[in-house]
PDB file of N, CA and C in Angstrom:
ATOM      1  N   UNK A   1       0.809  -1.213   0.000  1.00  0.00           N
ATOM      2  CA  UNK A   1       0.000   0.000   0.000  1.00  0.00           C
ATOM      3  C   UNK A   1       0.843   1.264   0.000  1.00  0.00           C
ATOM      4  N   UNK A   2       2.038   1.206   0.561  1.00  0.00           N
ATOM      5  CA  UNK A   2       2.878   2.386   0.656  1.00  0.00           C
ATOM      6  C   UNK A   2       3.652   2.578  -0.636  1.00  0.00           C
ATOM      7  N   UNK A   3       3.613   3.791  -1.142  1.00  0.00           N
ATOM      8  CA  UNK A   3       4.414   4.181  -2.281  1.00  0.00           C
ATOM      9  C   UNK A   3       5.439   5.207  -1.824  1.00  0.00           C
ATOM     10  N   UNK A   4       6.671   5.017  -2.241  1.00  0.00           N
ATOM     11  CA  UNK A   4       7.754   5.900  -1.883  1.00  0.00           C
ATOM     12  C   UNK A   4       8.299   6.561  -3.133  1.00  0.00           C
ATOM     13  N   UNK A   5       8.423   7.863  -3.084  1.00  0.00           N
ATOM     14  CA  UNK A   5       8.913   8.622  -4.225  1.00  0.00           C
ATOM     15  C   UNK A   5      10.035   9.539  -3.771  1.00  0.00           C
ATOM     16  N   UNK A   6      11.201   9.372  -4.367  1.00  0.00           N
ATOM     17  CA  UNK A   6      12.349  10.226  -4.111  1.00  0.00           C
ATOM     18  C   UNK A   6      12.470  11.254  -5.230  1.00  0.00           C
ATOM     19  N   UNK A   7      12.940  12.438  -4.885  1.00  0.00           N
ATOM     20  CA  UNK A   7      13.096  13.471  -5.894  1.00  0.00           C
ATOM     21  C   UNK A   7      14.169  14.460  -5.468  1.00  0.00           C
ATOM     22  N   UNK A   8      14.621  15.251  -6.403  1.00  0.00           N
ATOM     23  CA  UNK A   8      15.525  16.348  -6.116  1.00  0.00           C
ATOM     24  C   UNK A   8      16.958  16.154  -6.558  1.00  0.00           C
ATOM     25  N   UNK A   9      17.340  14.952  -6.945  1.00  0.00           N
ATOM     26  CA  UNK A   9      18.715  14.715  -7.336  1.00  0.00           C
ATOM     27  C   UNK A   9      19.054  15.374  -8.664  1.00  0.00           C
ATOM     28  N   UNK A  10      20.324  15.769  -8.811  1.00  0.00           N
ATOM     29  CA  UNK A  10      20.805  16.365 -10.043  1.00  0.00           C
ATOM     30  C   UNK A  10      22.323  16.380 -10.029  1.00  0.00           C
ATOM     31  N   UNK A  11      22.885  16.862 -11.119  1.00  0.00           N
ATOM     32  CA  UNK A  11      24.329  17.025 -11.212  1.00  0.00           C
ATOM     33  C   UNK A  11      24.741  18.309 -10.523  1.00  0.00           C
ATOM     34  N   UNK A  12      25.716  18.209  -9.622  1.00  0.00           N
ATOM     35  CA  UNK A  12      26.263  19.374  -8.946  1.00  0.00           C
ATOM     36  C   UNK A  12      27.778  19.265  -8.940  1.00  0.00           C
ATOM     37  N   UNK A  13      28.432  20.379  -8.649  1.00  0.00           N
ATOM     38  CA  UNK A  13      29.877  20.380  -8.514  1.00  0.00           C
ATOM     39  C   UNK A  13      30.283  20.108  -7.075  1.00  0.00           C
ATOM     40  N   UNK A  14      31.456  19.557  -6.900  1.00  0.00           N
ATOM     41  CA  UNK A  14      31.977  19.310  -5.565  1.00  0.00           C
ATOM     42  C   UNK A  14      31.948  20.592  -4.743  1.00  0.00           C
ATOM     43  N   UNK A  15      31.528  20.457  -3.500  1.00  0.00           N
ATOM     44  CA  UNK A  15      31.431  21.592  -2.612  1.00  0.00           C
ATOM     45  C   UNK A  15      30.063  22.236  -2.564  1.00  0.00           C
ATOM     46  N   UNK A  16      29.217  21.914  -3.509  1.00  0.00           N
ATOM     47  CA  UNK A  16      27.887  22.500  -3.540  1.00  0.00           C
ATOM     48  C   UNK A  16      26.931  21.754  -2.623  1.00  0.00           C
ATOM     49  N   UNK A  17      25.722  22.279  -2.507  1.00  0.00           N
ATOM     50  CA  UNK A  17      24.700  21.725  -1.637  1.00  0.00           C
ATOM     51  C   UNK A  17      23.481  21.304  -2.439  1.00  0.00           C
ATOM     52  N   UNK A  18      22.725  20.386  -1.875  1.00  0.00           N
ATOM     53  CA  UNK A  18      21.534  19.880  -2.542  1.00  0.00           C
ATOM     54  C   UNK A  18      20.602  19.278  -1.503  1.00  0.00           C
ATOM     55  N   UNK A  19      19.312  19.462  -1.705  1.00  0.00           N
ATOM     56  CA  UNK A  19      18.318  18.848  -0.846  1.00  0.00           C
ATOM     57  C   UNK A  19      17.480  17.877  -1.662  1.00  0.00           C
ATOM     58  N   UNK A  20      17.375  16.648  -1.181  1.00  0.00           N
ATOM     59  CA  UNK A  20      16.526  15.659  -1.824  1.00  0.00           C
ATOM     60  C   UNK A  20      15.396  15.287  -0.874  1.00  0.00           C
ATOM     61  N   UNK A  21      14.297  14.792  -1.455  1.00  0.00           N
ATOM     62  CA  UNK A  21      13.094  14.563  -0.683  1.00  0.00           C
ATOM     63  C   UNK A  21      12.561  13.155  -0.879  1.00  0.00           C
ATOM     64  N   UNK A  22      11.885  12.673   0.145  1.00  0.00           N
ATOM     65  CA  UNK A  22      11.212  11.383   0.124  1.00  0.00           C
ATOM     66  C   UNK A  22       9.778  11.600   0.586  1.00  0.00           C
ATOM     67  N   UNK A  23       8.839  11.162  -0.215  1.00  0.00           N
ATOM     68  CA  UNK A  23       7.433  11.295   0.128  1.00  0.00           C
ATOM     69  C   UNK A  23       6.777   9.927   0.105  1.00  0.00           C
ATOM     70  N   UNK A  24       6.112   9.574   1.184  1.00  0.00           N
ATOM     71  CA  UNK A  24       5.363   8.334   1.278  1.00  0.00           C
ATOM     72  C   UNK A  24       3.881   8.620   1.147  1.00  0.00           C
ATOM     73  N   UNK A  25       3.200   7.764   0.431  1.00  0.00           N
ATOM     74  CA  UNK A  25       1.762   7.900   0.267  1.00  0.00           C
ATOM     75  C   UNK A  25       1.108   6.524   0.318  1.00  0.00           C
ATOM     76  N   UNK A  26      -0.189   6.518   0.429  1.00  0.00           N
ATOM     77  CA  UNK A  26      -0.934   5.270   0.490  1.00  0.00           C
ATOM     78  C   UNK A  26      -1.400   4.943   1.892  1.00  0.00           C
ATOM     79  N   UNK A  27      -0.473   4.954   2.815  1.00  0.00           N
ATOM     80  CA  UNK A  27      -0.789   4.841   4.227  1.00  0.00           C
ATOM     81  C   UNK A  27       0.363   5.419   5.032  1.00  0.00           C
ATOM     82  N   UNK A  28       0.120   5.691   6.287  1.00  0.00           N
ATOM     83  CA  UNK A  28       1.115   6.374   7.082  1.00  0.00           C
ATOM     84  C   UNK A  28       2.304   5.473   7.400  1.00  0.00           C
ATOM     85  N   UNK A  29       3.470   6.090   7.459  1.00  0.00           N
ATOM     86  CA  UNK A  29       4.677   5.413   7.924  1.00  0.00           C
ATOM     87  C   UNK A  29       5.213   6.100   9.175  1.00  0.00           C
ATOM     88  N   UNK A  30       4.370   6.855   9.836  1.00  0.00           N
ATOM     89  CA  UNK A  30       4.820   7.675  10.950  1.00  0.00           C
ATOM     90  C   UNK A  30       5.350   6.870  12.130  1.00  0.00           C
ATOM     91  N   UNK A  31       4.981   5.619  12.242  1.00  0.00           N
ATOM     92  CA  UNK A  31       5.448   4.788  13.338  1.00  0.00           C
ATOM     93  C   UNK A  31       6.787   4.115  13.059  1.00  0.00           C
ATOM     94  N   UNK A  32       7.325   4.333  11.875  1.00  0.00           N
ATOM     95  CA  UNK A  32       8.600   3.749  11.493  1.00  0.00           C
ATOM     96  C   UNK A  32       9.670   4.816  11.368  1.00  0.00           C
ATOM     97  N   UNK A  33      10.910   4.384  11.498  1.00  0.00           N
ATOM     98  CA  UNK A  33      12.016   5.234  11.107  1.00  0.00           C
ATOM     99  C   UNK A  33      12.069   5.332   9.589  1.00  0.00           C
ATOM    100  N   UNK A  34      12.499   6.475   9.098  1.00  0.00           N
ATOM    101  CA  UNK A  34      12.727   6.649   7.669  1.00  0.00           C
ATOM    102  C   UNK A  34      14.230   6.647   7.434  1.00  0.00           C
ATOM    103  N   UNK A  35      14.640   5.899   6.449  1.00  0.00           N
ATOM    104  CA  UNK A  35      16.042   5.739   6.115  1.00  0.00           C
ATOM    105  C   UNK A  35      16.332   6.291   4.728  1.00  0.00           C
ATOM    106  N   UNK A  36      17.479   6.905   4.589  1.00  0.00           N
ATOM    107  CA  UNK A  36      18.061   7.183   3.288  1.00  0.00           C
ATOM    108  C   UNK A  36      19.229   6.222   3.078  1.00  0.00           C
ATOM    109  N   UNK A  37      19.260   5.611   1.910  1.00  0.00           N
ATOM    110  CA  UNK A  37      20.354   4.746   1.504  1.00  0.00           C
ATOM    111  C   UNK A  37      20.816   5.163   0.121  1.00  0.00           C
ATOM    112  N   UNK A  38      22.011   4.761  -0.257  1.00  0.00           N
ATOM    113  CA  UNK A  38      22.500   5.093  -1.588  1.00  0.00           C
ATOM    114  C   UNK A  38      23.188   3.884  -2.207  1.00  0.00           C
ATOM    115  N   UNK A  39      23.222   3.875  -3.529  1.00  0.00           N
ATOM    116  CA  UNK A  39      23.765   2.734  -4.250  1.00  0.00           C
ATOM    117  C   UNK A  39      24.492   3.190  -5.501  1.00  0.00           C
ATOM    118  N   UNK A  40      25.653   2.607  -5.722  1.00  0.00           N
ATOM    119  CA  UNK A  40      26.387   2.804  -6.961  1.00  0.00           C
ATOM    120  C   UNK A  40      26.411   1.481  -7.703  1.00  0.00           C
ATOM    121  N   UNK A  41      26.603   1.494  -9.018  1.00  0.00           N
ATOM    122  CA  UNK A  41      26.591   0.243  -9.777  1.00  0.00           C
ATOM    123  C   UNK A  41      27.581  -0.777  -9.240  1.00  0.00           C
ATOM    124  N   UNK A  42      27.109  -2.012  -9.099  1.00  0.00           N
ATOM    125  CA  UNK A  42      27.962  -3.088  -8.646  1.00  0.00           C
ATOM    126  C   UNK A  42      28.134  -3.182  -7.152  1.00  0.00           C
ATOM    127  N   UNK A  43      27.507  -2.295  -6.406  1.00  0.00           N
ATOM    128  CA  UNK A  43      27.637  -2.288  -4.955  1.00  0.00           C
ATOM    129  C   UNK A  43      26.284  -2.491  -4.289  1.00  0.00           C
ATOM    130  N   UNK A  44      26.332  -2.919  -3.041  1.00  0.00           N
ATOM    131  CA  UNK A  44      25.118  -3.022  -2.244  1.00  0.00           C
ATOM    132  C   UNK A  44      24.643  -1.638  -1.832  1.00  0.00           C
ATOM    133  N   UNK A  45      23.358  -1.529  -1.576  1.00  0.00           N
ATOM    134  CA  UNK A  45      22.865  -0.288  -1.011  1.00  0.00           C
ATOM    135  C   UNK A  45      23.440  -0.088   0.379  1.00  0.00           C
ATOM    136  N   UNK A  46      23.855   1.137   0.656  1.00  0.00           N
ATOM    137  CA  UNK A  46      24.478   1.424   1.936  1.00  0.00           C
ATOM    138  C   UNK A  46      23.696   2.483   2.699  1.00  0.00           C
ATOM    139  N   UNK A  47      23.721   2.331   3.994  1.00  0.00           N
ATOM    140  CA  UNK A  47      23.051   3.260   4.887  1.00  0.00           C
ATOM    141  C   UNK A  47      23.681   4.632   4.818  1.00  0.00           C
ATOM    142  N   UNK A  48      22.849   5.658   4.776  1.00  0.00           N
ATOM    143  CA  UNK A  48      23.312   7.037   4.785  1.00  0.00           C
ATOM    144  C   UNK A  48      22.836   7.761   6.037  1.00  0.00           C
ATOM    145  N   UNK A  49      21.533   7.752   6.267  1.00  0.00           N
ATOM    146  CA  UNK A  49      20.964   8.492   7.389  1.00  0.00           C
ATOM    147  C   UNK A  49      19.618   7.900   7.749  1.00  0.00           C
ATOM    148  N   UNK A  50      19.193   8.153   8.972  1.00  0.00           N
ATOM    149  CA  UNK A  50      17.885   7.707   9.433  1.00  0.00           C
ATOM    150  C   UNK A  50      17.324   8.714  10.412  1.00  0.00           C
ATOM    151  N   UNK A  51      16.017   8.744  10.493  1.00  0.00           N
ATOM    152  CA  UNK A  51      15.340   9.582  11.473  1.00  0.00           C
ATOM    153  C   UNK A  51      14.208   8.776  12.081  1.00  0.00           C
ATOM    154  N   UNK A  52      14.139   8.777  13.394  1.00  0.00           N
ATOM    155  CA  UNK A  52      13.174   7.964  14.109  1.00  0.00           C
ATOM    156  C   UNK A  52      11.829   8.671  14.186  1.00  0.00           C
ATOM    157  N   UNK A  53      10.796   7.956  14.634  1.00  0.00           N
ATOM    158  CA  UNK A  53       9.497   8.615  14.826  1.00  0.00           C
ATOM    159  C   UNK A  53       9.541   9.772  15.808  1.00  0.00           C
ATOM    160  N   UNK A  54      10.521   9.781  16.702  1.00  0.00           N
ATOM    161  CA  UNK A  54      10.673  10.876  17.651  1.00  0.00           C
ATOM    162  C   UNK A  54      11.757  11.867  17.234  1.00  0.00           C
ATOM    163  N   UNK A  55      12.191  11.769  15.989  1.00  0.00           N
ATOM    164  CA  UNK A  55      13.128  12.708  15.380  1.00  0.00           C
ATOM    165  C   UNK A  55      14.561  12.589  15.894  1.00  0.00           C
ATOM    166  N   UNK A  56      14.924  11.441  16.435  1.00  0.00           N
ATOM    167  CA  UNK A  56      16.333  11.152  16.648  1.00  0.00           C
ATOM    168  C   UNK A  56      16.969  10.858  15.297  1.00  0.00           C
ATOM    169  N   UNK A  57      18.184  11.321  15.105  1.00  0.00           N
ATOM    170  CA  UNK A  57      18.836  11.180  13.812  1.00  0.00           C
ATOM    171  C   UNK A  57      20.116  10.381  13.915  1.00  0.00           C
ATOM    172  N   UNK A  58      20.456   9.720  12.815  1.00  0.00           N
ATOM    173  CA  UNK A  58      21.610   8.834  12.745  1.00  0.00           C
ATOM    174  C   UNK A  58      22.252   8.992  11.379  1.00  0.00           C
ATOM    175  N   UNK A  59      23.590   8.935  11.338  1.00  0.00           N
ATOM    176  CA  UNK A  59      24.314   9.139  10.097  1.00  0.00           C
ATOM    177  C   UNK A  59      25.488   8.182   9.992  1.00  0.00           C
ATOM    178  N   UNK A  60      25.797   7.784   8.775  1.00  0.00           N
ATOM    179  CA  UNK A  60      27.033   7.077   8.546  1.00  0.00           C
ATOM    180  C   UNK A  60      28.192   8.061   8.672  1.00  0.00           C
ATOM    181  N   UNK A  61      29.351   7.560   9.074  1.00  0.00           N
ATOM    182  CA  UNK A  61      30.489   8.433   9.330  1.00  0.00           C
ATOM    183  C   UNK A  61      30.864   9.289   8.122  1.00  0.00           C
ATOM    184  N   UNK A  62      30.671   8.765   6.941  1.00  0.00           N
ATOM    185  CA  UNK A  62      31.082   9.468   5.735  1.00  0.00           C
ATOM    186  C   UNK A  62      30.330  10.773   5.506  1.00  0.00           C
ATOM    187  N   UNK A  63      29.159  10.920   6.105  1.00  0.00           N
ATOM    188  CA  UNK A  63      28.355  12.116   5.857  1.00  0.00           C
ATOM    189  C   UNK A  63      28.128  12.947   7.111  1.00  0.00           C
ATOM    190  N   UNK A  64      28.602  12.516   8.254  1.00  0.00           N
ATOM    191  CA  UNK A  64      28.412  13.273   9.484  1.00  0.00           C
ATOM    192  C   UNK A  64      29.014  14.666   9.348  1.00  0.00           C
ATOM    193  N   UNK A  65      28.238  15.652   9.769  1.00  0.00           N
ATOM    194  CA  UNK A  65      28.675  17.027   9.667  1.00  0.00           C
ATOM    195  C   UNK A  65      28.372  17.677   8.343  1.00  0.00           C
ATOM    196  N   UNK A  66      27.954  16.897   7.357  1.00  0.00           N
ATOM    197  CA  UNK A  66      27.645  17.435   6.036  1.00  0.00           C
ATOM    198  C   UNK A  66      26.180  17.263   5.653  1.00  0.00           C
ATOM    199  N   UNK A  67      25.566  16.172   6.066  1.00  0.00           N
ATOM    200  CA  UNK A  67      24.175  15.878   5.713  1.00  0.00           C
ATOM    201  C   UNK A  67      23.297  16.031   6.945  1.00  0.00           C
ATOM    202  N   UNK A  68      22.075  16.492   6.736  1.00  0.00           N
ATOM    203  CA  UNK A  68      21.083  16.578   7.799  1.00  0.00           C
ATOM    204  C   UNK A  68      19.783  15.972   7.297  1.00  0.00           C
ATOM    205  N   UNK A  69      19.253  15.019   8.044  1.00  0.00           N
ATOM    206  CA  UNK A  69      17.966  14.426   7.718  1.00  0.00           C
ATOM    207  C   UNK A  69      16.895  15.084   8.574  1.00  0.00           C
ATOM    208  N   UNK A  70      15.747  15.312   7.984  1.00  0.00           N
ATOM    209  CA  UNK A  70      14.633  15.908   8.705  1.00  0.00           C
ATOM    210  C   UNK A  70      13.339  15.242   8.283  1.00  0.00           C
ATOM    211  N   UNK A  71      12.304  15.462   9.074  1.00  0.00           N
ATOM    212  CA  UNK A  71      11.032  14.791   8.864  1.00  0.00           C
ATOM    213  C   UNK A  71       9.911  15.773   9.117  1.00  0.00           C
ATOM    214  N   UNK A  72       8.844  15.666   8.340  1.00  0.00           N
ATOM    215  CA  UNK A  72       7.727  16.574   8.535  1.00  0.00           C
ATOM    216  C   UNK A  72       6.921  16.141   9.750  1.00  0.00           C
ATOM    217  N   UNK A  73       6.030  17.014  10.192  1.00  0.00           N
ATOM    218  CA  UNK A  73       5.290  16.766  11.423  1.00  0.00           C
ATOM    219  C   UNK A  73       4.364  15.563  11.329  1.00  0.00           C
ATOM    220  N   UNK A  74       3.884  15.257  10.144  1.00  0.00           N
ATOM    221  CA  UNK A  74       3.026  14.090   9.953  1.00  0.00           C
ATOM    222  C   UNK A  74       3.809  12.784   9.891  1.00  0.00           C
ATOM    223  N   UNK A  75       5.115  12.874   9.697  1.00  0.00           N
ATOM    224  CA  UNK A  75       5.961  11.693   9.707  1.00  0.00           C
ATOM    225  C   UNK A  75       6.020  10.922   8.411  1.00  0.00           C
ATOM    226  N   UNK A  76       5.494  11.479   7.333  1.00  0.00           N
ATOM    227  CA  UNK A  76       5.422  10.749   6.074  1.00  0.00           C
ATOM    228  C   UNK A  76       6.340  11.279   4.983  1.00  0.00           C
ATOM    229  N   UNK A  77       7.120  12.290   5.294  1.00  0.00           N
ATOM    230  CA  UNK A  77       8.130  12.766   4.364  1.00  0.00           C
ATOM    231  C   UNK A  77       9.440  12.935   5.094  1.00  0.00           C
ATOM    232  N   UNK A  78      10.529  12.828   4.365  1.00  0.00           N
ATOM    233  CA  UNK A  78      11.850  13.044   4.930  1.00  0.00           C
ATOM    234  C   UNK A  78      12.744  13.678   3.883  1.00  0.00           C
ATOM    235  N   UNK A  79      13.418  14.737   4.273  1.00  0.00           N
ATOM    236  CA  UNK A  79      14.368  15.401   3.402  1.00  0.00           C
ATOM    237  C   UNK A  79      15.780  15.077   3.846  1.00  0.00           C
ATOM    238  N   UNK A  80      16.689  15.130   2.905  1.00  0.00           N
ATOM    239  CA  UNK A  80      18.107  14.998   3.198  1.00  0.00           C
ATOM    240  C   UNK A  80      18.800  16.221   2.634  1.00  0.00           C
ATOM    241  N   UNK A  81      19.241  17.098   3.524  1.00  0.00           N
ATOM    242  CA  UNK A  81      19.961  18.296   3.124  1.00  0.00           C
ATOM    243  C   UNK A  81      21.443  17.983   3.109  1.00  0.00           C
ATOM    244  N   UNK A  82      22.052  18.079   1.945  1.00  0.00           N
ATOM    245  CA  UNK A  82      23.439  17.694   1.750  1.00  0.00           C
ATOM    246  C   UNK A  82      24.275  18.927   1.451  1.00  0.00           C
ATOM    247  N   UNK A  83      25.357  19.095   2.186  1.00  0.00           N
ATOM    248  CA  UNK A  83      26.270  20.199   1.962  1.00  0.00           C
ATOM    249  C   UNK A  83      27.670  19.670   1.700  1.00  0.00           C
ATOM    250  N   UNK A  84      28.509  20.538   1.127  1.00  0.00           N
ATOM    251  CA  UNK A  84      29.888  20.172   0.818  1.00  0.00           C
ATOM    252  C   UNK A  84      29.959  18.809   0.136  1.00  0.00           C
ATOM    253  N   UNK A  85      29.178  18.656  -0.901  1.00  0.00           N
ATOM    254  CA  UNK A  85      29.117  17.376  -1.595  1.00  0.00           C
ATOM    255  C   UNK A  85      30.457  17.006  -2.202  1.00  0.00           C
ATOM    256  N   UNK A  86      30.745  15.719  -2.169  1.00  0.00           N
ATOM    257  CA  UNK A  86      31.997  15.173  -2.659  1.00  0.00           C
ATOM    258  C   UNK A  86      31.721  14.172  -3.771  1.00  0.00           C
ATOM    259  N   UNK A  87      32.675  13.956  -4.662  1.00  0.00           N
ATOM    260  CA  UNK A  87      32.459  12.967  -5.726  1.00  0.00           C
ATOM    261  C   UNK A  87      32.047  11.596  -5.207  1.00  0.00           C
ATOM    262  N   UNK A  88      32.558  11.199  -4.062  1.00  0.00           N
ATOM    263  CA  UNK A  88      32.201   9.905  -3.510  1.00  0.00           C
ATOM    264  C   UNK A  88      30.766   9.827  -3.003  1.00  0.00           C
ATOM    265  N   UNK A  89      30.063  10.960  -2.975  1.00  0.00           N
ATOM    266  CA  UNK A  89      28.644  10.964  -2.659  1.00  0.00           C
ATOM    267  C   UNK A  89      27.787  10.592  -3.864  1.00  0.00           C
ATOM    268  N   UNK A  90      28.378  10.521  -5.033  1.00  0.00           N
ATOM    269  CA  UNK A  90      27.633  10.193  -6.240  1.00  0.00           C
ATOM    270  C   UNK A  90      26.994   8.817  -6.111  1.00  0.00           C
ATOM    271  N   UNK A  91      25.687   8.763  -6.290  1.00  0.00           N
ATOM    272  CA  UNK A  91      24.942   7.517  -6.139  1.00  0.00           C
ATOM    273  C   UNK A  91      23.484   7.780  -6.452  1.00  0.00           C
ATOM    274  N   UNK A  92      22.738   6.700  -6.588  1.00  0.00           N
ATOM    275  CA  UNK A  92      21.287   6.795  -6.582  1.00  0.00           C
ATOM    276  C   UNK A  92      20.839   6.697  -5.134  1.00  0.00           C
ATOM    277  N   UNK A  93      20.089   7.669  -4.696  1.00  0.00           N
ATOM    278  CA  UNK A  93      19.635   7.737  -3.317  1.00  0.00           C
ATOM    279  C   UNK A  93      18.203   7.229  -3.225  1.00  0.00           C
ATOM    280  N   UNK A  94      17.973   6.330  -2.283  1.00  0.00           N
ATOM    281  CA  UNK A  94      16.675   5.729  -2.050  1.00  0.00           C
ATOM    282  C   UNK A  94      16.231   5.983  -0.613  1.00  0.00           C
ATOM    283  N   UNK A  95      14.937   6.005  -0.415  1.00  0.00           N
ATOM    284  CA  UNK A  95      14.409   6.047   0.937  1.00  0.00           C
ATOM    285  C   UNK A  95      13.531   4.835   1.184  1.00  0.00           C
ATOM    286  N   UNK A  96      13.370   4.497   2.428  1.00  0.00           N
ATOM    287  CA  UNK A  96      12.447   3.460   2.832  1.00  0.00           C
ATOM    288  C   UNK A  96      12.163   3.639   4.318  1.00  0.00           C
ATOM    289  N   UNK A  97      11.327   2.791   4.856  1.00  0.00           N
ATOM    290  CA  UNK A  97      10.951   2.867   6.258  1.00  0.00           C
ATOM    291  C   UNK A  97      11.038   1.495   6.888  1.00  0.00           C
ATOM    292  N   UNK A  98      11.368   1.473   8.159  1.00  0.00           N
ATOM    293  CA  UNK A  98      11.485   0.215   8.867  1.00  0.00           C
ATOM    294  C   UNK A  98      11.604   0.516  10.355  1.00  0.00           C
ATOM    295  N   UNK A  99      11.699  -0.540  11.134  1.00  0.00           N
ATOM    296  CA  UNK A  99      11.968  -0.357  12.550  1.00  0.00           C
ATOM    297  C   UNK A  99      13.326   0.295  12.739  1.00  0.00           C
ATOM    298  N   UNK A 100      13.476   1.003  13.833  1.00  0.00           N
ATOM    299  CA  UNK A 100      14.761   1.582  14.199  1.00  0.00           C
ATOM    300  C   UNK A 100      15.551   0.531  14.970  1.00  0.00           C
ATOM    301  N   UNK A 101      16.657   0.081  14.399  1.00  0.00           N
ATOM    302  CA  UNK A 101      17.482  -0.926  15.052  1.00  0.00           C
ATOM    303  C   UNK A 101      18.945  -0.518  15.011  1.00  0.00           C
ATOM    304  N   UNK A 102      19.728  -0.969  15.996  1.00  0.00           N
ATOM    305  CA  UNK A 102      21.165  -0.671  15.966  1.00  0.00           C
ATOM    306  C   UNK A 102      21.854  -1.221  14.726  1.00  0.00           C
ATOM    307  N   UNK A 103      21.398  -2.353  14.219  1.00  0.00           N
ATOM    308  CA  UNK A 103      22.001  -2.904  13.014  1.00  0.00           C
ATOM    309  C   UNK A 103      21.806  -1.973  11.831  1.00  0.00           C
ATOM    310  N   UNK A 104      20.586  -1.559  11.607  1.00  0.00           N
ATOM    311  CA  UNK A 104      20.310  -0.716  10.452  1.00  0.00           C
ATOM    312  C   UNK A 104      21.025   0.620  10.522  1.00  0.00           C
ATOM    313  N   UNK A 105      21.120   1.210  11.711  1.00  0.00           N
ATOM    314  CA  UNK A 105      21.752   2.515  11.838  1.00  0.00           C
ATOM    315  C   UNK A 105      23.269   2.438  11.902  1.00  0.00           C
ATOM    316  N   UNK A 106      23.819   1.242  11.892  1.00  0.00           N
ATOM    317  CA  UNK A 106      25.263   1.070  11.793  1.00  0.00           C
ATOM    318  C   UNK A 106      25.664   0.433  10.472  1.00  0.00           C
ATOM    319  N   UNK A 107      24.726   0.326   9.549  1.00  0.00           N
ATOM    320  CA  UNK A 107      25.045  -0.167   8.225  1.00  0.00           C
ATOM    321  C   UNK A 107      25.060  -1.669   8.071  1.00  0.00           C
ATOM    322  N   UNK A 108      24.489  -2.383   9.019  1.00  0.00           N
ATOM    323  CA  UNK A 108      24.415  -3.831   8.948  1.00  0.00           C
ATOM    324  C   UNK A 108      23.014  -4.230   8.512  1.00  0.00           C
ATOM    325  N   UNK A 109      22.918  -4.894   7.399  1.00  0.00           N
ATOM    326  CA  UNK A 109      21.624  -5.222   6.852  1.00  0.00           C
ATOM    327  C   UNK A 109      21.023  -4.043   6.119  1.00  0.00           C
ATOM    328  N   UNK A 110      19.944  -4.303   5.443  1.00  0.00           N
ATOM    329  CA  UNK A 110      19.308  -3.272   4.639  1.00  0.00           C
ATOM    330  C   UNK A 110      17.875  -3.069   5.092  1.00  0.00           C
ATOM    331  N   UNK A 111      17.554  -1.911   5.633  1.00  0.00           N
ATOM    332  CA  UNK A 111      16.162  -1.657   5.999  1.00  0.00           C
ATOM    333  C   UNK A 111      15.306  -1.458   4.755  1.00  0.00           C
ATOM    334  N   UNK A 112      14.061  -1.787   4.885  1.00  0.00           N
ATOM    335  CA  UNK A 112      13.158  -1.602   3.755  1.00  0.00           C
ATOM    336  C   UNK A 112      11.932  -2.461   3.887  1.00  0.00           C
ATOM    337  N   UNK A 113      10.954  -1.943   4.589  1.00  0.00           N
ATOM    338  CA  UNK A 113       9.723  -2.677   4.807  1.00  0.00           C
ATOM    339  C   UNK A 113       8.783  -2.584   3.602  1.00  0.00           C
ATOM    340  N   UNK A 114       9.007  -1.605   2.752  1.00  0.00           N
ATOM    341  CA  UNK A 114       8.069  -1.317   1.680  1.00  0.00           C
ATOM    342  C   UNK A 114       8.742  -1.403   0.318  1.00  0.00           C
ATOM    343  N   UNK A 115       7.949  -1.473  -0.747  1.00  0.00           N
ATOM    344  CA  UNK A 115       8.551  -1.509  -2.080  1.00  0.00           C
ATOM    345  C   UNK A 115       9.421  -0.285  -2.330  1.00  0.00           C
ATOM    346  N   UNK A 116      10.529  -0.511  -3.020  1.00  0.00           N
ATOM    347  CA  UNK A 116      11.447   0.576  -3.304  1.00  0.00           C
ATOM    348  C   UNK A 116      10.892   1.516  -4.365  1.00  0.00           C
ATOM    349  N   UNK A 117      11.175   2.790  -4.184  1.00  0.00           N
ATOM    350  CA  UNK A 117      10.870   3.760  -5.211  1.00  0.00           C
ATOM    351  C   UNK A 117      11.924   3.746  -6.295  1.00  0.00           C
ATOM    352  N   UNK A 118      11.859   4.729  -7.175  1.00  0.00           N
ATOM    353  CA  UNK A 118      12.782   4.775  -8.305  1.00  0.00           C
ATOM    354  C   UNK A 118      14.153   5.311  -7.935  1.00  0.00           C
ATOM    355  N   UNK A 119      14.266   5.920  -6.770  1.00  0.00           N
ATOM    356  CA  UNK A 119      15.501   6.562  -6.373  1.00  0.00           C
ATOM    357  C   UNK A 119      15.693   7.883  -7.095  1.00  0.00           C
ATOM    358  N   UNK A 120      16.656   8.660  -6.621  1.00  0.00           N
ATOM    359  CA  UNK A 120      16.993   9.911  -7.283  1.00  0.00           C
ATOM    360  C   UNK A 120      18.513  10.002  -7.383  1.00  0.00           C
ATOM    361  N   UNK A 121      18.998  10.316  -8.565  1.00  0.00           N
ATOM    362  CA  UNK A 121      20.431  10.316  -8.825  1.00  0.00           C
ATOM    363  C   UNK A 121      21.059  11.631  -8.393  1.00  0.00           C
ATOM    364  N   UNK A 122      22.066  11.523  -7.547  1.00  0.00           N
ATOM    365  CA  UNK A 122      22.901  12.653  -7.177  1.00  0.00           C
ATOM    366  C   UNK A 122      24.275  12.411  -7.794  1.00  0.00           C
ATOM    367  N   UNK A 123      24.688  13.294  -8.657  1.00  0.00           N
ATOM    368  CA  UNK A 123      25.973  13.172  -9.335  1.00  0.00           C
ATOM    369  C   UNK A 123      26.825  14.380  -8.986  1.00  0.00           C
ATOM    370  N   UNK A 124      27.998  14.134  -8.429  1.00  0.00           N
ATOM    371  CA  UNK A 124      28.889  15.195  -7.977  1.00  0.00           C
ATOM    372  C   UNK A 124      30.146  15.169  -8.825  1.00  0.00           C
ATOM    373  N   UNK A 125      30.377  16.229  -9.543  1.00  0.00           N
ATOM    374  CA  UNK A 125      31.534  16.328 -10.421  1.00  0.00           C
ATOM    375  C   UNK A 125      32.672  17.045  -9.727  1.00  0.00           C
ATOM    376  N   UNK A 126      33.880  16.805 -10.219  1.00  0.00           N
ATOM    377  CA  UNK A 126      35.060  17.483  -9.685  1.00  0.00           C
ATOM    378  C   UNK A 126      35.268  18.829 -10.332  1.00  0.00           C
TER     379      UNK A 126
END
């Protein structure tokens, strides 16, 4: 029933900023954590950031201090504000929702209770 749509990705230069968005529809996901993950060709999807139903936030070390995840008051959208983008941030970014667990927020396993959206491509040039 839940549909996830990511948007906002584009080509940017290193050092620039970009905000991408995740919108869930169909039914509420407010009781779940929302996760952002990213994937490059030939690699597994990797954890980027998460926000809990109570707005606690979690980040992979590679983006700490540069990315901020936020959530709307209804709990069904999540934005990822990215600053000082680096070429290694280049990936297709996906969102999903799941329980908040230490494994998922440390990059072990892949959260995703719902069907994946199309993702949004963030490309960072040098």
